[in-house]
Amino acid sequence: MSELSLRLFTDPVLRKPCELVEKIDEEIIQLVEKMIGIMYKNKGVGLTANQVGILKQVVIVNLENQTKLVVMINPKIVAVSKKDKIKVVEGCLSVPKIPCQLKRYKIVRVECLNLKGEKELYEVSDFDAQIIQHELDHINGITILDRSLK
């Protein structure tokens, strides 16, 4: 796999929906390893494959107060707390130094595959829910600039 670099908001790849991962193979594992390095180098809490130029539904997030690294393949939100939308201010590695105010669900439940191809289910709240919603927006071609309350 060639060198990967963080894409900024002007890059059209960030506006494209990502494709499902059909097979978790060595290429996907290498992609995840490189993404982890890029995320930590840039002091992020989450990163998606399209943020490094790869249109695949691969997400990494640091959950539980940034103590648990989670890899999510083909993640999808299956439930949200409809009553509990909260205003938050978010930043983004691909939109540096431009914080945006937006609304996010307080609680989300997300299904995904792990790197072994096993189904996982996470129910998270508050900042963890915010991270997951942010990253799943990315794999759908949506940035915080699109969601900004302005």
C-alpha atoms as a PDB file:
ATOM      1  CA  MET A   1       0.000   0.000   0.000  1.00  0.00           C
ATOM      2  CA  SER A   2       1.335   3.408  -0.947  1.00  0.00           C
ATOM      3  CA  GLU A   3       1.827   6.302   1.442  1.00  0.00           C
ATOM      4  CA  LEU A   4      -1.385   7.797   2.734  1.00  0.00           C
ATOM      5  CA  SER A   5      -1.932  11.386   3.769  1.00  0.00           C
ATOM      6  CA  LEU A   6      -4.672  13.304   5.496  1.00  0.00           C
ATOM      7  CA  ARG A   7      -7.081  14.920   3.022  1.00  0.00           C
ATOM      8  CA  LEU A   8      -8.414  18.413   3.668  1.00  0.00           C
ATOM      9  CA  PHE A   9     -11.958  19.688   3.142  1.00  0.00           C
ATOM     10  CA  THR A  10     -11.235  20.990  -0.366  1.00  0.00           C
ATOM     11  CA  ASP A  11     -10.464  17.436  -1.567  1.00  0.00           C
ATOM     12  CA  PRO A  12     -13.440  15.994  -3.513  1.00  0.00           C
ATOM     13  CA  VAL A  13     -12.856  12.510  -2.044  1.00  0.00           C
ATOM     14  CA  LEU A  14     -14.416  13.751   1.221  1.00  0.00           C
ATOM     15  CA  ARG A  15     -17.719  14.401  -0.579  1.00  0.00           C
ATOM     16  CA  LYS A  16     -18.057  10.863  -1.920  1.00  0.00           C
ATOM     17  CA  PRO A  17     -19.868   8.073  -0.056  1.00  0.00           C
ATOM     18  CA  CYS A  18     -17.613   5.150   0.805  1.00  0.00           C
ATOM     19  CA  GLU A  19     -18.135   1.621  -0.481  1.00  0.00           C
ATOM     20  CA  LEU A  20     -18.818  -1.371   1.740  1.00  0.00           C
ATOM     21  CA  VAL A  21     -15.808  -3.516   2.567  1.00  0.00           C
ATOM     22  CA  GLU A  22     -16.514  -6.858   0.903  1.00  0.00           C
ATOM     23  CA  LYS A  23     -13.558  -8.735   2.374  1.00  0.00           C
ATOM     24  CA  ILE A  24     -11.393  -8.003   5.390  1.00  0.00           C
ATOM     25  CA  ASP A  25      -7.974  -8.924   4.060  1.00  0.00           C
ATOM     26  CA  GLU A  26      -4.345  -7.895   4.545  1.00  0.00           C
ATOM     27  CA  GLU A  27      -4.931  -4.703   2.545  1.00  0.00           C
ATOM     28  CA  ILE A  28      -7.679  -3.584   4.954  1.00  0.00           C
ATOM     29  CA  ILE A  29      -5.522  -4.491   7.969  1.00  0.00           C
ATOM     30  CA  GLN A  30      -2.625  -2.430   6.561  1.00  0.00           C
ATOM     31  CA  LEU A  31      -5.008   0.450   5.874  1.00  0.00           C
ATOM     32  CA  VAL A  32      -6.180   0.402   9.504  1.00  0.00           C
ATOM     33  CA  GLU A  33      -2.588   0.349  10.789  1.00  0.00           C
ATOM     34  CA  LYS A  34      -1.681   3.376   8.670  1.00  0.00           C
ATOM     35  CA  MET A  35      -4.862   5.192   9.701  1.00  0.00           C
ATOM     36  CA  ILE A  36      -4.049   4.666  13.373  1.00  0.00           C
ATOM     37  CA  GLY A  37      -0.628   6.235  12.861  1.00  0.00           C
ATOM     38  CA  ILE A  38      -2.102   9.213  11.003  1.00  0.00           C
ATOM     39  CA  MET A  39      -4.822   9.742  13.619  1.00  0.00           C
ATOM     40  CA  TYR A  40      -2.389   9.714  16.538  1.00  0.00           C
ATOM     41  CA  LYS A  41       0.192  11.848  14.695  1.00  0.00           C
ATOM     42  CA  ASN A  42      -2.510  14.491  14.173  1.00  0.00           C
ATOM     43  CA  LYS A  43      -3.898  14.157  17.725  1.00  0.00           C
ATOM     44  CA  GLY A  44      -7.324  13.032  16.555  1.00  0.00           C
ATOM     45  CA  VAL A  45      -9.976  10.866  18.213  1.00  0.00           C
ATOM     46  CA  GLY A  46     -11.341   9.351  15.015  1.00  0.00           C
ATOM     47  CA  LEU A  47     -10.510   8.878  11.352  1.00  0.00           C
ATOM     48  CA  THR A  48     -12.144   7.378   8.281  1.00  0.00           C
ATOM     49  CA  ALA A  49     -10.601   5.788   5.214  1.00  0.00           C
ATOM     50  CA  ASN A  50     -11.820   8.535   2.890  1.00  0.00           C
ATOM     51  CA  GLN A  51      -9.953  11.073   5.026  1.00  0.00           C
ATOM     52  CA  VAL A  52      -6.798   9.382   3.732  1.00  0.00           C
ATOM     53  CA  GLY A  53      -8.118   8.990   0.177  1.00  0.00           C
ATOM     54  CA  ILE A  54      -9.573   5.460   0.297  1.00  0.00           C
ATOM     55  CA  LEU A  55     -13.307   5.143  -0.419  1.00  0.00           C
ATOM     56  CA  LYS A  56     -14.016   2.215   1.920  1.00  0.00           C
ATOM     57  CA  GLN A  57     -16.237   2.059   5.016  1.00  0.00           C
ATOM     58  CA  VAL A  58     -13.385   1.790   7.496  1.00  0.00           C
ATOM     59  CA  VAL A  59     -13.516   3.859  10.690  1.00  0.00           C
ATOM     60  CA  ILE A  60     -11.252   4.065  13.716  1.00  0.00           C
ATOM     61  CA  VAL A  61     -12.328   5.802  16.912  1.00  0.00           C
ATOM     62  CA  ASN A  62     -11.000   6.304  20.404  1.00  0.00           C
ATOM     63  CA  LEU A  63     -13.870   5.681  22.811  1.00  0.00           C
ATOM     64  CA  GLU A  64     -14.361   5.652  26.585  1.00  0.00           C
ATOM     65  CA  ASN A  65     -12.538   8.884  27.289  1.00  0.00           C
ATOM     66  CA  GLN A  66      -9.972   8.103  24.585  1.00  0.00           C
ATOM     67  CA  THR A  67      -8.821   4.873  26.263  1.00  0.00           C
ATOM     68  CA  LYS A  68     -10.246   2.266  23.861  1.00  0.00           C
ATOM     69  CA  LEU A  69      -9.306   2.152  20.177  1.00  0.00           C
ATOM     70  CA  VAL A  70     -12.127   0.624  18.134  1.00  0.00           C
ATOM     71  CA  VAL A  71     -12.016  -0.402  14.475  1.00  0.00           C
ATOM     72  CA  MET A  72     -15.377  -0.348  12.713  1.00  0.00           C
ATOM     73  CA  ILE A  73     -15.872  -1.924   9.308  1.00  0.00           C
ATOM     74  CA  ASN A  74     -19.141  -1.099   7.473  1.00  0.00           C
ATOM     75  CA  PRO A  75     -20.605   0.705  10.506  1.00  0.00           C
ATOM     76  CA  LYS A  76     -24.206   1.852  10.573  1.00  0.00           C
ATOM     77  CA  ILE A  77     -26.253   3.600  13.207  1.00  0.00           C
ATOM     78  CA  VAL A  78     -29.241   1.419  14.081  1.00  0.00           C
ATOM     79  CA  ALA A  79     -30.808   3.506  16.878  1.00  0.00           C
ATOM     80  CA  VAL A  80     -30.609   7.034  18.277  1.00  0.00           C
ATOM     81  CA  SER A  81     -32.065   8.979  21.186  1.00  0.00           C
ATOM     82  CA  LYS A  82     -34.549  11.067  19.226  1.00  0.00           C
ATOM     83  CA  LYS A  83     -35.428  13.337  22.161  1.00  0.00           C
ATOM     84  CA  ASP A  84     -31.864  13.996  23.216  1.00  0.00           C
ATOM     85  CA  LYS A  85     -30.223  16.051  20.488  1.00  0.00           C
ATOM     86  CA  ILE A  86     -27.635  18.370  21.916  1.00  0.00           C
ATOM     87  CA  LYS A  87     -25.663  21.326  20.555  1.00  0.00           C
ATOM     88  CA  VAL A  88     -21.934  20.639  20.353  1.00  0.00           C
ATOM     89  CA  VAL A  89     -18.842  22.299  18.945  1.00  0.00           C
ATOM     90  CA  GLU A  90     -16.719  20.011  16.796  1.00  0.00           C
ATOM     91  CA  GLY A  91     -13.405  20.158  15.081  1.00  0.00           C
ATOM     92  CA  CYS A  92     -12.109  17.861  12.374  1.00  0.00           C
ATOM     93  CA  LEU A  93      -8.687  16.756  11.191  1.00  0.00           C
ATOM     94  CA  SER A  94      -9.812  17.414   7.598  1.00  0.00           C
ATOM     95  CA  VAL A  95     -11.190  20.850   8.502  1.00  0.00           C
ATOM     96  CA  PRO A  96      -8.349  22.206  10.632  1.00  0.00           C
ATOM     97  CA  LYS A  97      -8.834  25.228  12.879  1.00  0.00           C
ATOM     98  CA  ILE A  98     -12.497  25.696  11.884  1.00  0.00           C
ATOM     99  CA  PRO A  99     -14.712  24.632  14.810  1.00  0.00           C
ATOM    100  CA  CYS A 100     -18.386  24.241  13.933  1.00  0.00           C
ATOM    101  CA  GLN A 101     -21.485  24.213  16.106  1.00  0.00           C
ATOM    102  CA  LEU A 102     -23.979  21.494  15.246  1.00  0.00           C
ATOM    103  CA  LYS A 103     -26.561  19.159  16.758  1.00  0.00           C
ATOM    104  CA  ARG A 104     -25.862  15.505  17.546  1.00  0.00           C
ATOM    105  CA  TYR A 105     -27.837  12.725  19.167  1.00  0.00           C
ATOM    106  CA  LYS A 106     -26.860  12.160  22.791  1.00  0.00           C
ATOM    107  CA  ILE A 107     -27.040   8.359  22.472  1.00  0.00           C
ATOM    108  CA  VAL A 108     -26.420   6.153  19.429  1.00  0.00           C
ATOM    109  CA  ARG A 109     -26.279   2.433  18.803  1.00  0.00           C
ATOM    110  CA  VAL A 110     -24.006   1.318  15.994  1.00  0.00           C
ATOM    111  CA  GLU A 111     -23.481  -2.071  14.346  1.00  0.00           C
ATOM    112  CA  CYS A 112     -20.275  -2.943  12.555  1.00  0.00           C
ATOM    113  CA  LEU A 113     -17.740  -5.644  11.870  1.00  0.00           C
ATOM    114  CA  ASN A 114     -14.406  -5.835  13.652  1.00  0.00           C
ATOM    115  CA  LEU A 115     -11.132  -6.716  11.926  1.00  0.00           C
ATOM    116  CA  LYS A 116     -11.890 -10.422  12.411  1.00  0.00           C
ATOM    117  CA  GLY A 117     -15.163 -10.032  10.504  1.00  0.00           C
ATOM    118  CA  GLU A 118     -17.254 -10.491  13.657  1.00  0.00           C
ATOM    119  CA  LYS A 119     -20.387  -8.418  14.246  1.00  0.00           C
ATOM    120  CA  GLU A 120     -20.188  -5.914  17.075  1.00  0.00           C
ATOM    121  CA  LEU A 121     -22.737  -3.584  18.614  1.00  0.00           C
ATOM    122  CA  TYR A 122     -21.856  -0.431  20.533  1.00  0.00           C
ATOM    123  CA  GLU A 123     -24.256   1.770  22.449  1.00  0.00           C
ATOM    124  CA  VAL A 124     -22.511   5.001  23.351  1.00  0.00           C
ATOM    125  CA  SER A 125     -23.437   8.401  24.693  1.00  0.00           C
ATOM    126  CA  ASP A 126     -22.174  11.942  24.975  1.00  0.00           C
ATOM    127  CA  PHE A 127     -18.697  12.504  23.474  1.00  0.00           C
ATOM    128  CA  ASP A 128     -18.370   8.906  22.234  1.00  0.00           C
ATOM    129  CA  ALA A 129     -21.712   9.251  20.427  1.00  0.00           C
ATOM    130  CA  GLN A 130     -20.542  12.538  18.957  1.00  0.00           C
ATOM    131  CA  ILE A 131     -17.329  10.949  17.631  1.00  0.00           C
ATOM    132  CA  ILE A 132     -19.193   8.075  15.996  1.00  0.00           C
ATOM    133  CA  GLN A 133     -21.769  10.354  14.360  1.00  0.00           C
ATOM    134  CA  HIS A 134     -18.963  12.588  13.071  1.00  0.00           C
ATOM    135  CA  GLU A 135     -17.036   9.670  11.560  1.00  0.00           C
ATOM    136  CA  LEU A 136     -20.113   8.018  10.054  1.00  0.00           C
ATOM    137  CA  ASP A 137     -20.972  11.336   8.430  1.00  0.00           C
ATOM    138  CA  HIS A 138     -17.539  11.191   6.791  1.00  0.00           C
ATOM    139  CA  ILE A 139     -18.100   7.764   5.247  1.00  0.00           C
ATOM    140  CA  ASN A 140     -21.351   9.141   3.801  1.00  0.00           C
ATOM    141  CA  GLY A 141     -19.566  12.108   2.211  1.00  0.00           C
ATOM    142  CA  ILE A 142     -20.686  14.659   4.825  1.00  0.00           C
ATOM    143  CA  THR A 143     -18.382  17.036   6.723  1.00  0.00           C
ATOM    144  CA  ILE A 144     -18.980  19.266   9.738  1.00  0.00           C
ATOM    145  CA  LEU A 145     -19.193  22.185   7.317  1.00  0.00           C
ATOM    146  CA  ASP A 146     -22.356  20.598   5.888  1.00  0.00           C
ATOM    147  CA  ARG A 147     -23.933  20.160   9.331  1.00  0.00           C
ATOM    148  CA  SER A 148     -22.857  23.501  10.809  1.00  0.00           C
ATOM    149  CA  LEU A 149     -25.671  25.503  12.418  1.00  0.00           C
ATOM    150  CA  LYS A 150     -24.046  28.739  11.167  1.00  0.00           C
END
